[in-house]
Amino acid sequence: MAKKKKSNNIPLPILIIICAVLLYATYTSISTLVLAIWGESVMGTVDSYGSRLDDSKAEPNRSRTVSKGYWFVANGKEYRGHVMYKSDEAWPGLKEGETRSERIRYLSVFPYINKPAMLC
């Protein structure tokens, strides 16, 4: 009796998801490196801030999830951004209408690629 060969093909939807995740990770890594090397700096305004304690026993700089919403002006146009990252940073939350200043790095030829300078 003939033995059936097992197929090692990955289903197309799973392959698409894997490729999308890898492309996003590559974009994030390359954009951070490009901003660090060729990015311009400007003072931006943080208008939303949140810090959530995830694990008090986590390794250094990994105990909280921080989210920031910010905006800045480049070439006479306003751009907005939002980031989430792990940190031990624990500023108090922003009250209604309160803002903070923070240095933002952006790519001068395409300012939609931007991040707070401390993440570059």
PDB file of N, CA and C in Angstrom:
ATOM      1  N   MET A   1       0.839  -1.159   0.000  1.00  0.00           N
ATOM      2  CA  MET A   1       0.000   0.000   0.000  1.00  0.00           C
ATOM      3  C   MET A   1       0.896   1.238   0.000  1.00  0.00           C
ATOM      4  N   ALA A   2       0.550   2.215  -0.841  1.00  0.00           N
ATOM      5  CA  ALA A   2       1.345   3.435  -0.991  1.00  0.00           C
ATOM      6  C   ALA A   2       1.109   4.380   0.186  1.00  0.00           C
ATOM      7  N   LYS A   3       2.191   4.986   0.636  1.00  0.00           N
ATOM      8  CA  LYS A   3       2.118   5.932   1.741  1.00  0.00           C
ATOM      9  C   LYS A   3       1.861   7.334   1.189  1.00  0.00           C
ATOM     10  N   LYS A   4       0.932   8.087   1.811  1.00  0.00           N
ATOM     11  CA  LYS A   4       0.632   9.449   1.375  1.00  0.00           C
ATOM     12  C   LYS A   4       1.710  10.397   1.859  1.00  0.00           C
ATOM     13  N   LYS A   5       2.101  11.321   0.981  1.00  0.00           N
ATOM     14  CA  LYS A   5       3.069  12.347   1.345  1.00  0.00           C
ATOM     15  C   LYS A   5       2.355  13.476   2.062  1.00  0.00           C
ATOM     16  N   LYS A   6       2.970  13.953   3.141  1.00  0.00           N
ATOM     17  CA  LYS A   6       2.394  15.093   3.859  1.00  0.00           C
ATOM     18  C   LYS A   6       2.760  16.371   3.133  1.00  0.00           C
ATOM     19  N   SER A   7       1.804  17.261   3.054  1.00  0.00           N
ATOM     20  CA  SER A   7       2.038  18.555   2.412  1.00  0.00           C
ATOM     21  C   SER A   7       2.572  19.533   3.449  1.00  0.00           C
ATOM     22  N   ASN A   8       3.663  20.217   3.120  1.00  0.00           N
ATOM     23  CA  ASN A   8       4.268  21.189   4.026  1.00  0.00           C
ATOM     24  C   ASN A   8       3.923  22.614   3.635  1.00  0.00           C
ATOM     25  N   ASN A   9       2.904  22.807   2.825  1.00  0.00           N
ATOM     26  CA  ASN A   9       2.515  24.151   2.394  1.00  0.00           C
ATOM     27  C   ASN A   9       1.802  24.897   3.520  1.00  0.00           C
ATOM     28  N   ILE A  10       2.140  26.177   3.656  1.00  0.00           N
ATOM     29  CA  ILE A  10       1.484  27.046   4.635  1.00  0.00           C
ATOM     30  C   ILE A  10       0.241  27.632   3.971  1.00  0.00           C
ATOM     31  N   PRO A  11      -0.898  27.597   4.645  1.00  0.00           N
ATOM     32  CA  PRO A  11      -2.113  28.180   4.052  1.00  0.00           C
ATOM     33  C   PRO A  11      -1.902  29.659   3.711  1.00  0.00           C
ATOM     34  N   LEU A  12      -2.479  30.105   2.622  1.00  0.00           N
ATOM     35  CA  LEU A  12      -2.292  31.460   2.104  1.00  0.00           C
ATOM     36  C   LEU A  12      -2.640  32.548   3.127  1.00  0.00           C
ATOM     37  N   PRO A  13      -3.772  32.481   3.849  1.00  0.00           N
ATOM     38  CA  PRO A  13      -4.066  33.548   4.828  1.00  0.00           C
ATOM     39  C   PRO A  13      -2.989  33.659   5.920  1.00  0.00           C
ATOM     40  N   ILE A  14      -2.478  32.540   6.371  1.00  0.00           N
ATOM     41  CA  ILE A  14      -1.431  32.550   7.397  1.00  0.00           C
ATOM     42  C   ILE A  14      -0.156  33.161   6.824  1.00  0.00           C
ATOM     43  N   LEU A  15       0.179  32.821   5.597  1.00  0.00           N
ATOM     44  CA  LEU A  15       1.359  33.365   4.941  1.00  0.00           C
ATOM     45  C   LEU A  15       1.245  34.878   4.761  1.00  0.00           C
ATOM     46  N   ILE A  16       0.064  35.354   4.416  1.00  0.00           N
ATOM     47  CA  ILE A  16      -0.164  36.800   4.267  1.00  0.00           C
ATOM     48  C   ILE A  16       0.006  37.513   5.602  1.00  0.00           C
ATOM     49  N   ILE A  17      -0.520  36.946   6.676  1.00  0.00           N
ATOM     50  CA  ILE A  17      -0.386  37.539   8.010  1.00  0.00           C
ATOM     51  C   ILE A  17       1.076  37.587   8.433  1.00  0.00           C
ATOM     52  N   ILE A  18       1.808  36.514   8.205  1.00  0.00           N
ATOM     53  CA  ILE A  18       3.233  36.471   8.558  1.00  0.00           C
ATOM     54  C   ILE A  18       4.007  37.533   7.785  1.00  0.00           C
ATOM     55  N   CYS A  19       3.749  37.646   6.495  1.00  0.00           N
ATOM     56  CA  CYS A  19       4.436  38.646   5.669  1.00  0.00           C
ATOM     57  C   CYS A  19       4.102  40.068   6.116  1.00  0.00           C
ATOM     58  N   ALA A  20       2.837  40.330   6.458  1.00  0.00           N
ATOM     59  CA  ALA A  20       2.430  41.662   6.906  1.00  0.00           C
ATOM     60  C   ALA A  20       3.132  42.032   8.217  1.00  0.00           C
ATOM     61  N   VAL A  21       3.214  41.102   9.142  1.00  0.00           N
ATOM     62  CA  VAL A  21       3.880  41.365  10.422  1.00  0.00           C
ATOM     63  C   VAL A  21       5.374  41.621  10.202  1.00  0.00           C
ATOM     64  N   LEU A  22       6.004  40.831   9.349  1.00  0.00           N
ATOM     65  CA  LEU A  22       7.422  41.032   9.065  1.00  0.00           C
ATOM     66  C   LEU A  22       7.679  42.370   8.365  1.00  0.00           C
ATOM     67  N   LEU A  23       6.810  42.758   7.442  1.00  0.00           N
ATOM     68  CA  LEU A  23       6.950  44.055   6.768  1.00  0.00           C
ATOM     69  C   LEU A  23       6.805  45.207   7.756  1.00  0.00           C
ATOM     70  N   TYR A  24       5.833  45.118   8.669  1.00  0.00           N
ATOM     71  CA  TYR A  24       5.636  46.163   9.671  1.00  0.00           C
ATOM     72  C   TYR A  24       6.852  46.262  10.593  1.00  0.00           C
ATOM     73  N   ALA A  25       7.375  45.136  11.039  1.00  0.00           N
ATOM     74  CA  ALA A  25       8.556  45.141  11.911  1.00  0.00           C
ATOM     75  C   ALA A  25       9.761  45.739  11.185  1.00  0.00           C
ATOM     76  N   THR A  26       9.914  45.422   9.914  1.00  0.00           N
ATOM     77  CA  THR A  26      11.012  45.978   9.122  1.00  0.00           C
ATOM     78  C   THR A  26      10.849  47.484   8.975  1.00  0.00           C
ATOM     79  N   TYR A  27       9.634  47.943   8.664  1.00  0.00           N
ATOM     80  CA  TYR A  27       9.360  49.385   8.545  1.00  0.00           C
ATOM     81  C   TYR A  27       9.684  50.114   9.843  1.00  0.00           C
ATOM     82  N   THR A  28       9.244  49.570  10.968  1.00  0.00           N
ATOM     83  CA  THR A  28       9.471  50.203  12.265  1.00  0.00           C
ATOM     84  C   THR A  28      10.964  50.300  12.569  1.00  0.00           C
ATOM     85  N   SER A  29      11.690  49.236  12.341  1.00  0.00           N
ATOM     86  CA  SER A  29      13.124  49.225  12.624  1.00  0.00           C
ATOM     87  C   SER A  29      13.886  50.191  11.726  1.00  0.00           C
ATOM     88  N   ILE A  30      13.593  50.146  10.442  1.00  0.00           N
ATOM     89  CA  ILE A  30      14.302  51.009   9.500  1.00  0.00           C
ATOM     90  C   ILE A  30      13.949  52.480   9.727  1.00  0.00           C
ATOM     91  N   SER A  31      12.671  52.770   9.995  1.00  0.00           N
ATOM     92  CA  SER A  31      12.290  54.176  10.210  1.00  0.00           C
ATOM     93  C   SER A  31      12.948  54.732  11.469  1.00  0.00           C
ATOM     94  N   THR A  32      13.092  53.937  12.512  1.00  0.00           N
ATOM     95  CA  THR A  32      13.762  54.399  13.730  1.00  0.00           C
ATOM     96  C   THR A  32      15.232  54.699  13.447  1.00  0.00           C
ATOM     97  N   LEU A  33      15.878  53.824  12.700  1.00  0.00           N
ATOM     98  CA  LEU A  33      17.281  54.033  12.351  1.00  0.00           C
ATOM     99  C   LEU A  33      17.460  55.269  11.463  1.00  0.00           C
ATOM    100  N   VAL A  34      16.593  55.438  10.469  1.00  0.00           N
ATOM    101  CA  VAL A  34      16.664  56.593   9.573  1.00  0.00           C
ATOM    102  C   VAL A  34      16.423  57.888  10.346  1.00  0.00           C
ATOM    103  N   LEU A  35      15.457  57.890  11.258  1.00  0.00           N
ATOM    104  CA  LEU A  35      15.199  59.085  12.064  1.00  0.00           C
ATOM    105  C   LEU A  35      16.392  59.427  12.948  1.00  0.00           C
ATOM    106  N   ALA A  36      17.033  58.418  13.498  1.00  0.00           N
ATOM    107  CA  ALA A  36      18.184  58.665  14.366  1.00  0.00           C
ATOM    108  C   ALA A  36      19.346  59.260  13.583  1.00  0.00           C
ATOM    109  N   ILE A  37      19.520  58.852  12.326  1.00  0.00           N
ATOM    110  CA  ILE A  37      20.659  59.316  11.535  1.00  0.00           C
ATOM    111  C   ILE A  37      20.345  60.617  10.790  1.00  0.00           C
ATOM    112  N   TRP A  38      19.242  60.646  10.047  1.00  0.00           N
ATOM    113  CA  TRP A  38      18.944  61.775   9.170  1.00  0.00           C
ATOM    114  C   TRP A  38      17.764  62.638   9.616  1.00  0.00           C
ATOM    115  N   GLY A  39      17.146  62.307  10.734  1.00  0.00           N
ATOM    116  CA  GLY A  39      15.970  63.038  11.174  1.00  0.00           C
ATOM    117  C   GLY A  39      16.269  64.448  11.645  1.00  0.00           C
ATOM    118  N   GLU A  40      15.310  65.322  11.478  1.00  0.00           N
ATOM    119  CA  GLU A  40      15.371  66.698  11.985  1.00  0.00           C
ATOM    120  C   GLU A  40      14.668  66.717  13.343  1.00  0.00           C
ATOM    121  N   SER A  41      15.075  67.625  14.212  1.00  0.00           N
ATOM    122  CA  SER A  41      14.449  67.748  15.527  1.00  0.00           C
ATOM    123  C   SER A  41      13.654  69.037  15.624  1.00  0.00           C
ATOM    124  N   VAL A  42      12.545  68.967  16.337  1.00  0.00           N
ATOM    125  CA  VAL A  42      11.703  70.129  16.581  1.00  0.00           C
ATOM    126  C   VAL A  42      11.025  69.920  17.934  1.00  0.00           C
ATOM    127  N   MET A  43      10.683  71.011  18.601  1.00  0.00           N
ATOM    128  CA  MET A  43       9.930  70.884  19.850  1.00  0.00           C
ATOM    129  C   MET A  43       8.464  70.653  19.516  1.00  0.00           C
ATOM    130  N   GLY A  44       7.922  69.578  20.041  1.00  0.00           N
ATOM    131  CA  GLY A  44       6.519  69.262  19.830  1.00  0.00           C
ATOM    132  C   GLY A  44       5.751  69.404  21.130  1.00  0.00           C
ATOM    133  N   THR A  45       4.461  69.145  21.064  1.00  0.00           N
ATOM    134  CA  THR A  45       3.588  69.263  22.222  1.00  0.00           C
ATOM    135  C   THR A  45       2.896  67.939  22.475  1.00  0.00           C
ATOM    136  N   VAL A  46       3.090  67.400  23.669  1.00  0.00           N
ATOM    137  CA  VAL A  46       2.399  66.177  24.080  1.00  0.00           C
ATOM    138  C   VAL A  46       1.050  66.601  24.642  1.00  0.00           C
ATOM    139  N   ASP A  47      -0.042  66.126  24.018  1.00  0.00           N
ATOM    140  CA  ASP A  47      -1.364  66.533  24.478  1.00  0.00           C
ATOM    141  C   ASP A  47      -2.176  65.389  25.070  1.00  0.00           C
ATOM    142  N   SER A  48      -1.661  64.176  25.019  1.00  0.00           N
ATOM    143  CA  SER A  48      -2.287  63.068  25.740  1.00  0.00           C
ATOM    144  C   SER A  48      -1.183  62.147  26.242  1.00  0.00           C
ATOM    145  N   TYR A  49      -1.357  61.660  27.469  1.00  0.00           N
ATOM    146  CA  TYR A  49      -0.329  60.828  28.095  1.00  0.00           C
ATOM    147  C   TYR A  49      -1.005  59.834  29.009  1.00  0.00           C
ATOM    148  N   GLY A  50      -0.564  58.591  28.931  1.00  0.00           N
ATOM    149  CA  GLY A  50      -1.068  57.561  29.824  1.00  0.00           C
ATOM    150  C   GLY A  50       0.062  56.625  30.197  1.00  0.00           C
ATOM    151  N   SER A  51       0.062  56.169  31.445  1.00  0.00           N
ATOM    152  CA  SER A  51       1.080  55.244  31.926  1.00  0.00           C
ATOM    153  C   SER A  51       0.370  54.178  32.749  1.00  0.00           C
ATOM    154  N   ARG A  52       0.486  52.924  32.312  1.00  0.00           N
ATOM    155  CA  ARG A  52      -0.220  51.823  32.976  1.00  0.00           C
ATOM    156  C   ARG A  52       0.805  50.847  33.549  1.00  0.00           C
ATOM    157  N   LEU A  53       0.704  50.529  34.828  1.00  0.00           N
ATOM    158  CA  LEU A  53       1.593  49.563  35.461  1.00  0.00           C
ATOM    159  C   LEU A  53       1.163  48.161  35.029  1.00  0.00           C
ATOM    160  N   ASP A  54       2.075  47.445  34.364  1.00  0.00           N
ATOM    161  CA  ASP A  54       1.767  46.096  33.884  1.00  0.00           C
ATOM    162  C   ASP A  54       2.295  45.021  34.828  1.00  0.00           C
ATOM    163  N   ASP A  55       3.526  45.199  35.300  1.00  0.00           N
ATOM    164  CA  ASP A  55       4.169  44.176  36.118  1.00  0.00           C
ATOM    165  C   ASP A  55       5.218  44.835  37.001  1.00  0.00           C
ATOM    166  N   SER A  56       4.968  44.879  38.292  1.00  0.00           N
ATOM    167  CA  SER A  56       5.910  45.546  39.197  1.00  0.00           C
ATOM    168  C   SER A  56       7.200  44.754  39.380  1.00  0.00           C
ATOM    169  N   LYS A  57       7.222  43.492  38.951  1.00  0.00           N
ATOM    170  CA  LYS A  57       8.426  42.664  39.086  1.00  0.00           C
ATOM    171  C   LYS A  57       9.152  42.485  37.756  1.00  0.00           C
ATOM    172  N   ALA A  58       8.792  43.276  36.767  1.00  0.00           N
ATOM    173  CA  ALA A  58       9.415  43.158  35.444  1.00  0.00           C
ATOM    174  C   ALA A  58      10.839  43.686  35.469  1.00  0.00           C
ATOM    175  N   GLU A  59      11.592  43.331  34.438  1.00  0.00           N
ATOM    176  CA  GLU A  59      12.969  43.816  34.326  1.00  0.00           C
ATOM    177  C   GLU A  59      12.972  45.335  34.170  1.00  0.00           C
ATOM    178  N   PRO A  60      14.129  45.980  34.382  1.00  0.00           N
ATOM    179  CA  PRO A  60      14.186  47.443  34.285  1.00  0.00           C
ATOM    180  C   PRO A  60      13.660  47.965  32.946  1.00  0.00           C
ATOM    181  N   ASN A  61      12.947  49.083  33.008  1.00  0.00           N
ATOM    182  CA  ASN A  61      12.359  49.767  31.847  1.00  0.00           C
ATOM    183  C   ASN A  61      11.305  48.941  31.125  1.00  0.00           C
ATOM    184  N   ARG A  62      10.683  47.997  31.801  1.00  0.00           N
ATOM    185  CA  ARG A  62       9.648  47.178  31.172  1.00  0.00           C
ATOM    186  C   ARG A  62       8.403  47.024  32.036  1.00  0.00           C
ATOM    187  N   SER A  63       8.294  47.785  33.115  1.00  0.00           N
ATOM    188  CA  SER A  63       7.176  47.564  34.027  1.00  0.00           C
ATOM    189  C   SER A  63       5.894  48.290  33.633  1.00  0.00           C
ATOM    190  N   ARG A  64       5.996  49.313  32.779  1.00  0.00           N
ATOM    191  CA  ARG A  64       4.822  50.106  32.410  1.00  0.00           C
ATOM    192  C   ARG A  64       4.666  50.179  30.898  1.00  0.00           C
ATOM    193  N   THR A  65       3.434  50.375  30.483  1.00  0.00           N
ATOM    194  CA  THR A  65       3.146  50.698  29.088  1.00  0.00           C
ATOM    195  C   THR A  65       2.770  52.168  29.052  1.00  0.00           C
ATOM    196  N   VAL A  66       3.512  52.941  28.268  1.00  0.00           N
ATOM    197  CA  VAL A  66       3.307  54.382  28.168  1.00  0.00           C
ATOM    198  C   VAL A  66       2.729  54.687  26.794  1.00  0.00           C
ATOM    199  N   SER A  67       1.724  55.535  26.743  1.00  0.00           N
ATOM    200  CA  SER A  67       1.190  55.990  25.453  1.00  0.00           C
ATOM    201  C   SER A  67       1.175  57.514  25.451  1.00  0.00           C
ATOM    202  N   LYS A  68       1.581  58.065  24.308  1.00  0.00           N
ATOM    203  CA  LYS A  68       1.632  59.518  24.159  1.00  0.00           C
ATOM    204  C   LYS A  68       1.023  59.910  22.828  1.00  0.00           C
ATOM    205  N   GLY A  69       0.244  60.971  22.850  1.00  0.00           N
ATOM    206  CA  GLY A  69      -0.231  61.608  21.638  1.00  0.00           C
ATOM    207  C   GLY A  69       0.440  62.967  21.550  1.00  0.00           C
ATOM    208  N   TYR A  70       0.946  63.318  20.382  1.00  0.00           N
ATOM    209  CA  TYR A  70       1.689  64.566  20.257  1.00  0.00           C
ATOM    210  C   TYR A  70       1.427  65.200  18.902  1.00  0.00           C
ATOM    211  N   TRP A  71       1.825  66.467  18.797  1.00  0.00           N
ATOM    212  CA  TRP A  71       1.758  67.164  17.515  1.00  0.00           C
ATOM    213  C   TRP A  71       2.948  68.105  17.419  1.00  0.00           C
ATOM    214  N   PHE A  72       3.305  68.440  16.190  1.00  0.00           N
ATOM    215  CA  PHE A  72       4.414  69.349  15.945  1.00  0.00           C
ATOM    216  C   PHE A  72       4.197  70.026  14.602  1.00  0.00           C
ATOM    217  N   VAL A  73       4.929  71.110  14.377  1.00  0.00           N
ATOM    218  CA  VAL A  73       4.824  71.859  13.125  1.00  0.00           C
ATOM    219  C   VAL A  73       6.147  71.722  12.374  1.00  0.00           C
ATOM    220  N   ALA A  74       6.039  71.311  11.105  1.00  0.00           N
ATOM    221  CA  ALA A  74       7.210  71.211  10.232  1.00  0.00           C
ATOM    222  C   ALA A  74       6.843  71.757   8.863  1.00  0.00           C
ATOM    223  N   ASN A  75       7.688  72.597   8.320  1.00  0.00           N
ATOM    224  CA  ASN A  75       7.453  73.207   7.002  1.00  0.00           C
ATOM    225  C   ASN A  75       6.109  73.932   6.945  1.00  0.00           C
ATOM    226  N   GLY A  76       5.705  74.529   8.056  1.00  0.00           N
ATOM    227  CA  GLY A  76       4.473  75.296   8.111  1.00  0.00           C
ATOM    228  C   GLY A  76       3.200  74.460   8.192  1.00  0.00           C
ATOM    229  N   LYS A  77       3.322  73.157   8.393  1.00  0.00           N
ATOM    230  CA  LYS A  77       2.155  72.277   8.459  1.00  0.00           C
ATOM    231  C   LYS A  77       2.190  71.494   9.769  1.00  0.00           C
ATOM    232  N   GLU A  78       1.012  71.253  10.335  1.00  0.00           N
ATOM    233  CA  GLU A  78       0.910  70.529  11.603  1.00  0.00           C
ATOM    234  C   GLU A  78       0.800  69.026  11.344  1.00  0.00           C
ATOM    235  N   TYR A  79       1.567  68.250  12.112  1.00  0.00           N
ATOM    236  CA  TYR A  79       1.539  66.787  12.022  1.00  0.00           C
ATOM    237  C   TYR A  79       1.248  66.222  13.395  1.00  0.00           C
ATOM    238  N   ARG A  80       0.506  65.136  13.439  1.00  0.00           N
ATOM    239  CA  ARG A  80       0.168  64.472  14.697  1.00  0.00           C
ATOM    240  C   ARG A  80       0.794  63.088  14.723  1.00  0.00           C
ATOM    241  N   GLY A  81       1.063  62.612  15.920  1.00  0.00           N
ATOM    242  CA  GLY A  81       1.618  61.279  16.076  1.00  0.00           C
ATOM    243  C   GLY A  81       1.174  60.667  17.392  1.00  0.00           C
ATOM    244  N   HIS A  82       1.344  59.365  17.483  1.00  0.00           N
ATOM    245  CA  HIS A  82       0.996  58.636  18.689  1.00  0.00           C
ATOM    246  C   HIS A  82       1.970  57.481  18.834  1.00  0.00           C
ATOM    247  N   VAL A  83       2.470  57.244  20.041  1.00  0.00           N
ATOM    248  CA  VAL A  83       3.387  56.138  20.290  1.00  0.00           C
ATOM    249  C   VAL A  83       2.967  55.386  21.546  1.00  0.00           C
ATOM    250  N   MET A  84       3.313  54.109  21.563  1.00  0.00           N
ATOM    251  CA  MET A  84       3.174  53.261  22.756  1.00  0.00           C
ATOM    252  C   MET A  84       4.492  52.524  22.915  1.00  0.00           C
ATOM    253  N   TYR A  85       4.985  52.484  24.151  1.00  0.00           N
ATOM    254  CA  TYR A  85       6.249  51.801  24.395  1.00  0.00           C
ATOM    255  C   TYR A  85       6.315  51.349  25.846  1.00  0.00           C
ATOM    256  N   LYS A  86       7.244  50.444  26.141  1.00  0.00           N
ATOM    257  CA  LYS A  86       7.468  49.952  27.497  1.00  0.00           C
ATOM    258  C   LYS A  86       8.527  50.812  28.165  1.00  0.00           C
ATOM    259  N   SER A  87       8.304  51.145  29.430  1.00  0.00           N
ATOM    260  CA  SER A  87       9.236  51.995  30.161  1.00  0.00           C
ATOM    261  C   SER A  87       8.915  51.934  31.647  1.00  0.00           C
ATOM    262  N   ASP A  88       9.785  52.529  32.448  1.00  0.00           N
ATOM    263  CA  ASP A  88       9.488  52.726  33.867  1.00  0.00           C
ATOM    264  C   ASP A  88       9.029  54.154  34.125  1.00  0.00           C
ATOM    265  N   GLU A  89       8.891  54.918  33.052  1.00  0.00           N
ATOM    266  CA  GLU A  89       8.481  56.318  33.141  1.00  0.00           C
ATOM    267  C   GLU A  89       7.082  56.403  33.754  1.00  0.00           C
ATOM    268  N   ALA A  90       6.940  57.253  34.738  1.00  0.00           N
ATOM    269  CA  ALA A  90       5.649  57.373  35.416  1.00  0.00           C
ATOM    270  C   ALA A  90       5.313  58.825  35.709  1.00  0.00           C
ATOM    271  N   TRP A  91       5.164  59.617  34.681  1.00  0.00           N
ATOM    272  CA  TRP A  91       4.723  60.990  34.875  1.00  0.00           C
ATOM    273  C   TRP A  91       3.275  60.973  35.324  1.00  0.00           C
ATOM    274  N   PRO A  92       2.846  62.033  35.994  1.00  0.00           N
ATOM    275  CA  PRO A  92       1.411  62.122  36.279  1.00  0.00           C
ATOM    276  C   PRO A  92       0.646  62.358  34.976  1.00  0.00           C
ATOM    277  N   GLY A  93      -0.579  61.889  34.925  1.00  0.00           N
ATOM    278  CA  GLY A  93      -1.404  62.082  33.730  1.00  0.00           C
ATOM    279  C   GLY A  93      -1.676  63.552  33.458  1.00  0.00           C
ATOM    280  N   LEU A  94      -2.007  63.856  32.222  1.00  0.00           N
ATOM    281  CA  LEU A  94      -2.325  65.231  31.845  1.00  0.00           C
ATOM    282  C   LEU A  94      -3.770  65.549  32.208  1.00  0.00           C
ATOM    283  N   LYS A  95      -3.977  66.718  32.786  1.00  0.00           N
ATOM    284  CA  LYS A  95      -5.338  67.177  33.071  1.00  0.00           C
ATOM    285  C   LYS A  95      -5.936  67.768  31.803  1.00  0.00           C
ATOM    286  N   GLU A  96      -7.205  68.035  31.812  1.00  0.00           N
ATOM    287  CA  GLU A  96      -7.908  68.617  30.661  1.00  0.00           C
ATOM    288  C   GLU A  96      -7.232  69.909  30.216  1.00  0.00           C
ATOM    289  N   GLY A  97      -6.785  69.957  28.977  1.00  0.00           N
ATOM    290  CA  GLY A  97      -6.161  71.152  28.425  1.00  0.00           C
ATOM    291  C   GLY A  97      -4.676  71.304  28.735  1.00  0.00           C
ATOM    292  N   GLU A  98      -4.123  70.452  29.579  1.00  0.00           N
ATOM    293  CA  GLU A  98      -2.704  70.537  29.932  1.00  0.00           C
ATOM    294  C   GLU A  98      -1.850  69.907  28.826  1.00  0.00           C
ATOM    295  N   THR A  99      -0.672  70.456  28.602  1.00  0.00           N
ATOM    296  CA  THR A  99       0.257  69.911  27.601  1.00  0.00           C
ATOM    297  C   THR A  99       1.667  69.905  28.170  1.00  0.00           C
ATOM    298  N   ARG A 100       2.546  69.163  27.516  1.00  0.00           N
ATOM    299  CA  ARG A 100       3.970  69.154  27.839  1.00  0.00           C
ATOM    300  C   ARG A 100       4.754  69.294  26.546  1.00  0.00           C
ATOM    301  N   SER A 101       5.953  69.844  26.643  1.00  0.00           N
ATOM    302  CA  SER A 101       6.832  69.950  25.476  1.00  0.00           C
ATOM    303  C   SER A 101       7.756  68.743  25.424  1.00  0.00           C
ATOM    304  N   GLU A 102       8.031  68.282  24.222  1.00  0.00           N
ATOM    305  CA  GLU A 102       8.958  67.170  24.036  1.00  0.00           C
ATOM    306  C   GLU A 102       9.590  67.288  22.654  1.00  0.00           C
ATOM    307  N   ARG A 103      10.844  66.922  22.562  1.00  0.00           N
ATOM    308  CA  ARG A 103      11.554  66.970  21.281  1.00  0.00           C
ATOM    309  C   ARG A 103      11.078  65.822  20.398  1.00  0.00           C
ATOM    310  N   ILE A 104      10.739  66.153  19.152  1.00  0.00           N
ATOM    311  CA  ILE A 104      10.248  65.186  18.166  1.00  0.00           C
ATOM    312  C   ILE A 104      11.238  65.135  17.010  1.00  0.00           C
ATOM    313  N   ARG A 105      11.521  63.935  16.524  1.00  0.00           N
ATOM    314  CA  ARG A 105      12.357  63.781  15.328  1.00  0.00           C
ATOM    315  C   ARG A 105      11.456  63.376  14.177  1.00  0.00           C
ATOM    316  N   TYR A 106      11.700  63.976  13.030  1.00  0.00           N
ATOM    317  CA  TYR A 106      10.895  63.673  11.847  1.00  0.00           C
ATOM    318  C   TYR A 106      11.786  63.676  10.623  1.00  0.00           C
ATOM    319  N   LEU A 107      11.337  63.043   9.577  1.00  0.00           N
ATOM    320  CA  LEU A 107      12.058  63.008   8.319  1.00  0.00           C
ATOM    321  C   LEU A 107      11.636  64.214   7.494  1.00  0.00           C
ATOM    322  N   SER A 108      12.580  65.083   7.153  1.00  0.00           N
ATOM    323  CA  SER A 108      12.234  66.353   6.505  1.00  0.00           C
ATOM    324  C   SER A 108      11.559  66.163   5.147  1.00  0.00           C
ATOM    325  N   VAL A 109      11.888  65.108   4.416  1.00  0.00           N
ATOM    326  CA  VAL A 109      11.260  64.896   3.105  1.00  0.00           C
ATOM    327  C   VAL A 109       9.870  64.271   3.233  1.00  0.00           C
ATOM    328  N   PHE A 110       9.586  63.632   4.376  1.00  0.00           N
ATOM    329  CA  PHE A 110       8.282  63.008   4.608  1.00  0.00           C
ATOM    330  C   PHE A 110       7.976  63.051   6.101  1.00  0.00           C
ATOM    331  N   PRO A 111       7.468  64.203   6.596  1.00  0.00           N
ATOM    332  CA  PRO A 111       7.283  64.401   8.041  1.00  0.00           C
ATOM    333  C   PRO A 111       6.274  63.451   8.703  1.00  0.00           C
ATOM    334  N   TYR A 112       5.529  62.693   7.908  1.00  0.00           N
ATOM    335  CA  TYR A 112       4.609  61.725   8.504  1.00  0.00           C
ATOM    336  C   TYR A 112       5.374  60.620   9.231  1.00  0.00           C
ATOM    337  N   ILE A 113       6.648  60.451   8.908  1.00  0.00           N
ATOM    338  CA  ILE A 113       7.504  59.515   9.636  1.00  0.00           C
ATOM    339  C   ILE A 113       8.148  60.311  10.759  1.00  0.00           C
ATOM    340  N   ASN A 114       7.690  60.061  11.992  1.00  0.00           N
ATOM    341  CA  ASN A 114       8.169  60.833  13.141  1.00  0.00           C
ATOM    342  C   ASN A 114       8.050  60.022  14.411  1.00  0.00           C
ATOM    343  N   LYS A 115       8.838  60.401  15.423  1.00  0.00           N
ATOM    344  CA  LYS A 115       8.818  59.780  16.742  1.00  0.00           C
ATOM    345  C   LYS A 115       9.379  60.753  17.764  1.00  0.00           C
ATOM    346  N   PRO A 116       9.016  60.582  19.022  1.00  0.00           N
ATOM    347  CA  PRO A 116       9.711  61.355  20.053  1.00  0.00           C
ATOM    348  C   PRO A 116      11.211  61.037  20.003  1.00  0.00           C
ATOM    349  N   ALA A 117      12.039  62.045  20.188  1.00  0.00           N
ATOM    350  CA  ALA A 117      13.486  61.878  20.053  1.00  0.00           C
ATOM    351  C   ALA A 117      14.045  60.833  21.008  1.00  0.00           C
ATOM    352  N   MET A 118      13.464  60.681  22.171  1.00  0.00           N
ATOM    353  CA  MET A 118      13.991  59.700  23.130  1.00  0.00           C
ATOM    354  C   MET A 118      13.843  58.258  22.663  1.00  0.00           C
ATOM    355  N   LEU A 119      12.970  58.004  21.673  1.00  0.00           N
ATOM    356  CA  LEU A 119      12.796  56.660  21.140  1.00  0.00           C
ATOM    357  C   LEU A 119      13.684  56.388  19.932  1.00  0.00           C
ATOM    358  N   CYS A 120      14.361  57.422  19.455  1.00  0.00           N
ATOM    359  CA  CYS A 120      15.252  57.245  18.297  1.00  0.00           C
ATOM    360  C   CYS A 120      16.634  56.971  18.798  1.00  0.00           C
TER     361      CYS A 120
END
